[in-house]
Amino acid sequence: MPLPKMSEVRDLSDQELEAQIVAAKRELFDLRFQKGTRQLDKSHRFKHTRHRLAQLLTLERERQLASKDEG
């Protein structure tokens, strides 16, 4: 599975963006829990999820700064 592209993230609305951020944080929590109980079989999902979360948070910050500049 390739890493997600930033162009895919930019199409999200603000509500979808928030929901995706919460989902990514929850998935990281679940992955850490699985790792701790030795049930994790696909460790590459850590990298993909962290990458996705970084993209989402970057876009959220860009939108915050853009709205601040407009106002």
PDB file of N, CA and C in Angstrom:
ATOM      1  N   MET A   1       0.846  -1.175   0.000  1.00  0.00           N
ATOM      2  CA  MET A   1       0.000   0.000   0.000  1.00  0.00           C
ATOM      3  C   MET A   1       0.896   1.244   0.000  1.00  0.00           C
ATOM      4  N   PRO A   2       0.757   2.107  -1.012  1.00  0.00           N
ATOM      5  CA  PRO A   2       1.589   3.310  -1.064  1.00  0.00           C
ATOM      6  C   PRO A   2       1.118   4.340  -0.046  1.00  0.00           C
ATOM      7  N   LEU A   3       2.030   5.247   0.278  1.00  0.00           N
ATOM      8  CA  LEU A   3       1.677   6.324   1.196  1.00  0.00           C
ATOM      9  C   LEU A   3       0.631   7.224   0.549  1.00  0.00           C
ATOM     10  N   PRO A   4      -0.283   7.772   1.329  1.00  0.00           N
ATOM     11  CA  PRO A   4      -1.324   8.633   0.773  1.00  0.00           C
ATOM     12  C   PRO A   4      -0.731   9.933   0.233  1.00  0.00           C
ATOM     13  N   LYS A   5      -1.361  10.485  -0.779  1.00  0.00           N
ATOM     14  CA  LYS A   5      -0.917  11.718  -1.416  1.00  0.00           C
ATOM     15  C   LYS A   5      -1.598  12.921  -0.778  1.00  0.00           C
ATOM     16  N   MET A   6      -0.910  14.038  -0.753  1.00  0.00           N
ATOM     17  CA  MET A   6      -1.457  15.259  -0.188  1.00  0.00           C
ATOM     18  C   MET A   6      -2.632  15.757  -1.025  1.00  0.00           C
ATOM     19  N   SER A   7      -2.617  15.486  -2.318  1.00  0.00           N
ATOM     20  CA  SER A   7      -3.718  15.933  -3.180  1.00  0.00           C
ATOM     21  C   SER A   7      -5.041  15.286  -2.770  1.00  0.00           C
ATOM     22  N   GLU A   8      -4.981  14.072  -2.228  1.00  0.00           N
ATOM     23  CA  GLU A   8      -6.190  13.399  -1.761  1.00  0.00           C
ATOM     24  C   GLU A   8      -6.752  14.096  -0.525  1.00  0.00           C
ATOM     25  N   VAL A   9      -5.866  14.644   0.294  1.00  0.00           N
ATOM     26  CA  VAL A   9      -6.269  15.278   1.544  1.00  0.00           C
ATOM     27  C   VAL A   9      -6.884  16.647   1.279  1.00  0.00           C
ATOM     28  N   ARG A  10      -6.375  17.359   0.306  1.00  0.00           N
ATOM     29  CA  ARG A  10      -6.826  18.730   0.036  1.00  0.00           C
ATOM     30  C   ARG A  10      -8.286  18.788  -0.407  1.00  0.00           C
ATOM     31  N   ASP A  11      -8.837  17.692  -0.881  1.00  0.00           N
ATOM     32  CA  ASP A  11     -10.230  17.669  -1.341  1.00  0.00           C
ATOM     33  C   ASP A  11     -11.227  17.551  -0.198  1.00  0.00           C
ATOM     34  N   LEU A  12     -10.768  17.341   1.022  1.00  0.00           N
ATOM     35  CA  LEU A  12     -11.660  17.138   2.155  1.00  0.00           C
ATOM     36  C   LEU A  12     -12.245  18.467   2.649  1.00  0.00           C
ATOM     37  N   SER A  13     -13.463  18.405   3.141  1.00  0.00           N
ATOM     38  CA  SER A  13     -14.060  19.573   3.783  1.00  0.00           C
ATOM     39  C   SER A  13     -13.494  19.675   5.196  1.00  0.00           C
ATOM     40  N   ASP A  14     -13.801  20.771   5.876  1.00  0.00           N
ATOM     41  CA  ASP A  14     -13.290  20.964   7.237  1.00  0.00           C
ATOM     42  C   ASP A  14     -13.808  19.893   8.191  1.00  0.00           C
ATOM     43  N   GLN A  15     -15.076  19.519   8.057  1.00  0.00           N
ATOM     44  CA  GLN A  15     -15.647  18.489   8.932  1.00  0.00           C
ATOM     45  C   GLN A  15     -15.013  17.126   8.650  1.00  0.00           C
ATOM     46  N   GLU A  16     -14.818  16.821   7.370  1.00  0.00           N
ATOM     47  CA  GLU A  16     -14.186  15.553   7.015  1.00  0.00           C
ATOM     48  C   GLU A  16     -12.742  15.521   7.510  1.00  0.00           C
ATOM     49  N   LEU A  17     -12.075  16.658   7.437  1.00  0.00           N
ATOM     50  CA  LEU A  17     -10.695  16.755   7.903  1.00  0.00           C
ATOM     51  C   LEU A  17     -10.612  16.448   9.400  1.00  0.00           C
ATOM     52  N   GLU A  18     -11.503  17.053  10.176  1.00  0.00           N
ATOM     53  CA  GLU A  18     -11.530  16.792  11.618  1.00  0.00           C
ATOM     54  C   GLU A  18     -11.795  15.321  11.908  1.00  0.00           C
ATOM     55  N   ALA A  19     -12.735  14.743  11.179  1.00  0.00           N
ATOM     56  CA  ALA A  19     -13.069  13.336  11.387  1.00  0.00           C
ATOM     57  C   ALA A  19     -11.880  12.438  11.047  1.00  0.00           C
ATOM     58  N   GLN A  20     -11.162  12.767   9.983  1.00  0.00           N
ATOM     59  CA  GLN A  20      -9.994  11.981   9.587  1.00  0.00           C
ATOM     60  C   GLN A  20      -8.876  12.083  10.627  1.00  0.00           C
ATOM     61  N   ILE A  21      -8.699  13.276  11.216  1.00  0.00           N
ATOM     62  CA  ILE A  21      -7.677  13.464  12.247  1.00  0.00           C
ATOM     63  C   ILE A  21      -7.994  12.595  13.458  1.00  0.00           C
ATOM     64  N   VAL A  22      -9.245  12.632  13.886  1.00  0.00           N
ATOM     65  CA  VAL A  22      -9.657  11.816  15.036  1.00  0.00           C
ATOM     66  C   VAL A  22      -9.471  10.329  14.728  1.00  0.00           C
ATOM     67  N   ALA A  23      -9.839   9.924  13.523  1.00  0.00           N
ATOM     68  CA  ALA A  23      -9.706   8.515  13.134  1.00  0.00           C
ATOM     69  C   ALA A  23      -8.240   8.089  13.103  1.00  0.00           C
ATOM     70  N   ALA A  24      -7.366   8.946  12.599  1.00  0.00           N
ATOM     71  CA  ALA A  24      -5.939   8.607  12.534  1.00  0.00           C
ATOM     72  C   ALA A  24      -5.344   8.495  13.934  1.00  0.00           C
ATOM     73  N   LYS A  25      -5.728   9.409  14.823  1.00  0.00           N
ATOM     74  CA  LYS A  25      -5.227   9.339  16.202  1.00  0.00           C
ATOM     75  C   LYS A  25      -5.724   8.073  16.890  1.00  0.00           C
ATOM     76  N   ARG A  26      -6.969   7.717  16.639  1.00  0.00           N
ATOM     77  CA  ARG A  26      -7.535   6.499  17.227  1.00  0.00           C
ATOM     78  C   ARG A  26      -6.812   5.256  16.682  1.00  0.00           C
ATOM     79  N   GLU A  27      -6.518   5.264  15.375  1.00  0.00           N
ATOM     80  CA  GLU A  27      -5.829   4.125  14.781  1.00  0.00           C
ATOM     81  C   GLU A  27      -4.424   3.975  15.361  1.00  0.00           C
ATOM     82  N   LEU A  28      -3.719   5.095  15.572  1.00  0.00           N
ATOM     83  CA  LEU A  28      -2.398   5.018  16.196  1.00  0.00           C
ATOM     84  C   LEU A  28      -2.495   4.441  17.601  1.00  0.00           C
ATOM     85  N   PHE A  29      -3.511   4.861  18.342  1.00  0.00           N
ATOM     86  CA  PHE A  29      -3.718   4.313  19.679  1.00  0.00           C
ATOM     87  C   PHE A  29      -3.927   2.801  19.606  1.00  0.00           C
ATOM     88  N   ASP A  30      -4.791   2.369  18.695  1.00  0.00           N
ATOM     89  CA  ASP A  30      -5.069   0.936  18.548  1.00  0.00           C
ATOM     90  C   ASP A  30      -3.818   0.162  18.136  1.00  0.00           C
ATOM     91  N   LEU A  31      -3.021   0.752  17.238  1.00  0.00           N
ATOM     92  CA  LEU A  31      -1.793   0.083  16.799  1.00  0.00           C
ATOM     93  C   LEU A  31      -0.803  -0.055  17.957  1.00  0.00           C
ATOM     94  N   ARG A  32      -0.688   0.989  18.783  1.00  0.00           N
ATOM     95  CA  ARG A  32       0.195   0.893  19.948  1.00  0.00           C
ATOM     96  C   ARG A  32      -0.298  -0.173  20.921  1.00  0.00           C
ATOM     97  N   PHE A  33      -1.602  -0.253  21.075  1.00  0.00           N
ATOM     98  CA  PHE A  33      -2.184  -1.264  21.954  1.00  0.00           C
ATOM     99  C   PHE A  33      -1.894  -2.665  21.420  1.00  0.00           C
ATOM    100  N   GLN A  34      -2.065  -2.859  20.116  1.00  0.00           N
ATOM    101  CA  GLN A  34      -1.790  -4.159  19.504  1.00  0.00           C
ATOM    102  C   GLN A  34      -0.313  -4.523  19.632  1.00  0.00           C
ATOM    103  N   LYS A  35       0.548  -3.525  19.474  1.00  0.00           N
ATOM    104  CA  LYS A  35       1.982  -3.783  19.605  1.00  0.00           C
ATOM    105  C   LYS A  35       2.315  -4.217  21.037  1.00  0.00           C
ATOM    106  N   GLY A  36       1.695  -3.559  21.998  1.00  0.00           N
ATOM    107  CA  GLY A  36       1.953  -3.893  23.389  1.00  0.00           C
ATOM    108  C   GLY A  36       1.484  -5.276  23.764  1.00  0.00           C
ATOM    109  N   THR A  37       0.430  -5.745  23.140  1.00  0.00           N
ATOM    110  CA  THR A  37      -0.085  -7.079  23.432  1.00  0.00           C
ATOM    111  C   THR A  37       0.416  -8.124  22.433  1.00  0.00           C
ATOM    112  N   ARG A  38       1.377  -7.711  21.603  1.00  0.00           N
ATOM    113  CA  ARG A  38       2.008  -8.587  20.611  1.00  0.00           C
ATOM    114  C   ARG A  38       1.010  -9.183  19.608  1.00  0.00           C
ATOM    115  N   GLN A  39       0.031  -8.383  19.222  1.00  0.00           N
ATOM    116  CA  GLN A  39      -0.943  -8.829  18.228  1.00  0.00           C
ATOM    117  C   GLN A  39      -0.758  -8.124  16.893  1.00  0.00           C
ATOM    118  N   LEU A  40       0.203  -7.212  16.810  1.00  0.00           N
ATOM    119  CA  LEU A  40       0.420  -6.434  15.597  1.00  0.00           C
ATOM    120  C   LEU A  40       1.168  -7.275  14.581  1.00  0.00           C
ATOM    121  N   ASP A  41       0.602  -7.411  13.385  1.00  0.00           N
ATOM    122  CA  ASP A  41       1.262  -8.202  12.357  1.00  0.00           C
ATOM    123  C   ASP A  41       1.781  -7.350  11.203  1.00  0.00           C
ATOM    124  N   LYS A  42       1.272  -6.145  11.035  1.00  0.00           N
ATOM    125  CA  LYS A  42       1.711  -5.276   9.938  1.00  0.00           C
ATOM    126  C   LYS A  42       2.258  -3.976  10.524  1.00  0.00           C
ATOM    127  N   SER A  43       3.534  -4.002  10.860  1.00  0.00           N
ATOM    128  CA  SER A  43       4.126  -2.849  11.538  1.00  0.00           C
ATOM    129  C   SER A  43       4.266  -1.633  10.621  1.00  0.00           C
ATOM    130  N   HIS A  44       4.187  -1.811   9.311  1.00  0.00           N
ATOM    131  CA  HIS A  44       4.294  -0.672   8.398  1.00  0.00           C
ATOM    132  C   HIS A  44       3.100   0.276   8.539  1.00  0.00           C
ATOM    133  N   ARG A  45       2.033  -0.188   9.146  1.00  0.00           N
ATOM    134  CA  ARG A  45       0.851   0.670   9.328  1.00  0.00           C
ATOM    135  C   ARG A  45       1.153   1.845  10.240  1.00  0.00           C
ATOM    136  N   PHE A  46       2.152   1.707  11.146  1.00  0.00           N
ATOM    137  CA  PHE A  46       2.577   2.837  11.971  1.00  0.00           C
ATOM    138  C   PHE A  46       3.049   3.985  11.084  1.00  0.00           C
ATOM    139  N   LYS A  47       3.934   3.662  10.168  1.00  0.00           N
ATOM    140  CA  LYS A  47       4.498   4.685   9.282  1.00  0.00           C
ATOM    141  C   LYS A  47       3.405   5.341   8.446  1.00  0.00           C
ATOM    142  N   HIS A  48       2.543   4.554   7.874  1.00  0.00           N
ATOM    143  CA  HIS A  48       1.473   5.082   7.027  1.00  0.00           C
ATOM    144  C   HIS A  48       0.511   5.957   7.822  1.00  0.00           C
ATOM    145  N   THR A  49       0.162   5.533   9.004  1.00  0.00           N
ATOM    146  CA  THR A  49      -0.783   6.289   9.823  1.00  0.00           C
ATOM    147  C   THR A  49      -0.168   7.587  10.320  1.00  0.00           C
ATOM    148  N   ARG A  50       1.092   7.531  10.745  1.00  0.00           N
ATOM    149  CA  ARG A  50       1.760   8.762  11.179  1.00  0.00           C
ATOM    150  C   ARG A  50       1.911   9.738  10.025  1.00  0.00           C
ATOM    151  N   HIS A  51       2.218   9.223   8.847  1.00  0.00           N
ATOM    152  CA  HIS A  51       2.349  10.062   7.659  1.00  0.00           C
ATOM    153  C   HIS A  51       1.006  10.725   7.327  1.00  0.00           C
ATOM    154  N   ARG A  52      -0.046   9.946   7.371  1.00  0.00           N
ATOM    155  CA  ARG A  52      -1.388  10.466   7.086  1.00  0.00           C
ATOM    156  C   ARG A  52      -1.785  11.536   8.118  1.00  0.00           C
ATOM    157  N   LEU A  53      -1.517  11.275   9.392  1.00  0.00           N
ATOM    158  CA  LEU A  53      -1.842  12.239  10.437  1.00  0.00           C
ATOM    159  C   LEU A  53      -1.057  13.535  10.234  1.00  0.00           C
ATOM    160  N   ALA A  54       0.206  13.440   9.875  1.00  0.00           N
ATOM    161  CA  ALA A  54       1.012  14.632   9.624  1.00  0.00           C
ATOM    162  C   ALA A  54       0.433  15.443   8.462  1.00  0.00           C
ATOM    163  N   GLN A  55      -0.016  14.760   7.418  1.00  0.00           N
ATOM    164  CA  GLN A  55      -0.633  15.454   6.287  1.00  0.00           C
ATOM    165  C   GLN A  55      -1.895  16.185   6.723  1.00  0.00           C
ATOM    166  N   LEU A  56      -2.720  15.503   7.487  1.00  0.00           N
ATOM    167  CA  LEU A  56      -3.980  16.084   7.927  1.00  0.00           C
ATOM    168  C   LEU A  56      -3.750  17.296   8.821  1.00  0.00           C
ATOM    169  N   LEU A  57      -2.817  17.180   9.758  1.00  0.00           N
ATOM    170  CA  LEU A  57      -2.534  18.290  10.657  1.00  0.00           C
ATOM    171  C   LEU A  57      -1.902  19.464   9.917  1.00  0.00           C
ATOM    172  N   THR A  58      -1.075  19.174   8.915  1.00  0.00           N
ATOM    173  CA  THR A  58      -0.478  20.232   8.101  1.00  0.00           C
ATOM    174  C   THR A  58      -1.552  21.000   7.347  1.00  0.00           C
ATOM    175  N   LEU A  59      -2.474  20.278   6.744  1.00  0.00           N
ATOM    176  CA  LEU A  59      -3.552  20.932   6.007  1.00  0.00           C
ATOM    177  C   LEU A  59      -4.434  21.749   6.947  1.00  0.00           C
ATOM    178  N   GLU A  60      -4.711  21.209   8.128  1.00  0.00           N
ATOM    179  CA  GLU A  60      -5.523  21.937   9.100  1.00  0.00           C
ATOM    180  C   GLU A  60      -4.831  23.251   9.477  1.00  0.00           C
ATOM    181  N   ARG A  61      -3.537  23.207   9.695  1.00  0.00           N
ATOM    182  CA  ARG A  61      -2.786  24.414  10.060  1.00  0.00           C
ATOM    183  C   ARG A  61      -2.749  25.404   8.896  1.00  0.00           C
ATOM    184  N   GLU A  62      -2.577  24.902   7.673  1.00  0.00           N
ATOM    185  CA  GLU A  62      -2.585  25.783   6.510  1.00  0.00           C
ATOM    186  C   GLU A  62      -3.923  26.523   6.404  1.00  0.00           C
ATOM    187  N   ARG A  63      -5.000  25.820   6.641  1.00  0.00           N
ATOM    188  CA  ARG A  63      -6.321  26.444   6.567  1.00  0.00           C
ATOM    189  C   ARG A  63      -6.510  27.457   7.686  1.00  0.00           C
ATOM    190  N   GLN A  64      -5.987  27.159   8.869  1.00  0.00           N
ATOM    191  CA  GLN A  64      -6.082  28.118   9.977  1.00  0.00           C
ATOM    192  C   GLN A  64      -5.338  29.396   9.644  1.00  0.00           C
ATOM    193  N   LEU A  65      -4.136  29.255   9.104  1.00  0.00           N
ATOM    194  CA  LEU A  65      -3.345  30.432   8.762  1.00  0.00           C
ATOM    195  C   LEU A  65      -3.977  31.221   7.620  1.00  0.00           C
ATOM    196  N   ALA A  66      -4.568  30.522   6.657  1.00  0.00           N
ATOM    197  CA  ALA A  66      -5.216  31.197   5.539  1.00  0.00           C
ATOM    198  C   ALA A  66      -6.439  31.987   6.001  1.00  0.00           C
ATOM    199  N   SER A  67      -7.211  31.415   6.912  1.00  0.00           N
ATOM    200  CA  SER A  67      -8.378  32.119   7.410  1.00  0.00           C
ATOM    201  C   SER A  67      -7.979  33.304   8.287  1.00  0.00           C
ATOM    202  N   LYS A  68      -6.870  33.188   8.979  1.00  0.00           N
ATOM    203  CA  LYS A  68      -6.360  34.270   9.817  1.00  0.00           C
ATOM    204  C   LYS A  68      -5.899  35.434   8.940  1.00  0.00           C
ATOM    205  N   ASP A  69      -5.248  35.140   7.833  1.00  0.00           N
ATOM    206  CA  ASP A  69      -4.770  36.170   6.921  1.00  0.00           C
ATOM    207  C   ASP A  69      -5.912  36.897   6.230  1.00  0.00           C
ATOM    208  N   GLU A  70      -6.988  36.171   5.943  1.00  0.00           N
ATOM    209  CA  GLU A  70      -8.145  36.771   5.267  1.00  0.00           C
ATOM    210  C   GLU A  70      -8.907  37.700   6.209  1.00  0.00           C
ATOM    211  N   GLY A  71      -8.942  37.361   7.472  1.00  0.00           N
ATOM    212  CA  GLY A  71      -9.759  38.098   8.429  1.00  0.00           C
ATOM    213  C   GLY A  71      -9.103  39.230   9.077  1.00  0.00           C
TER     214      GLY A  71
END
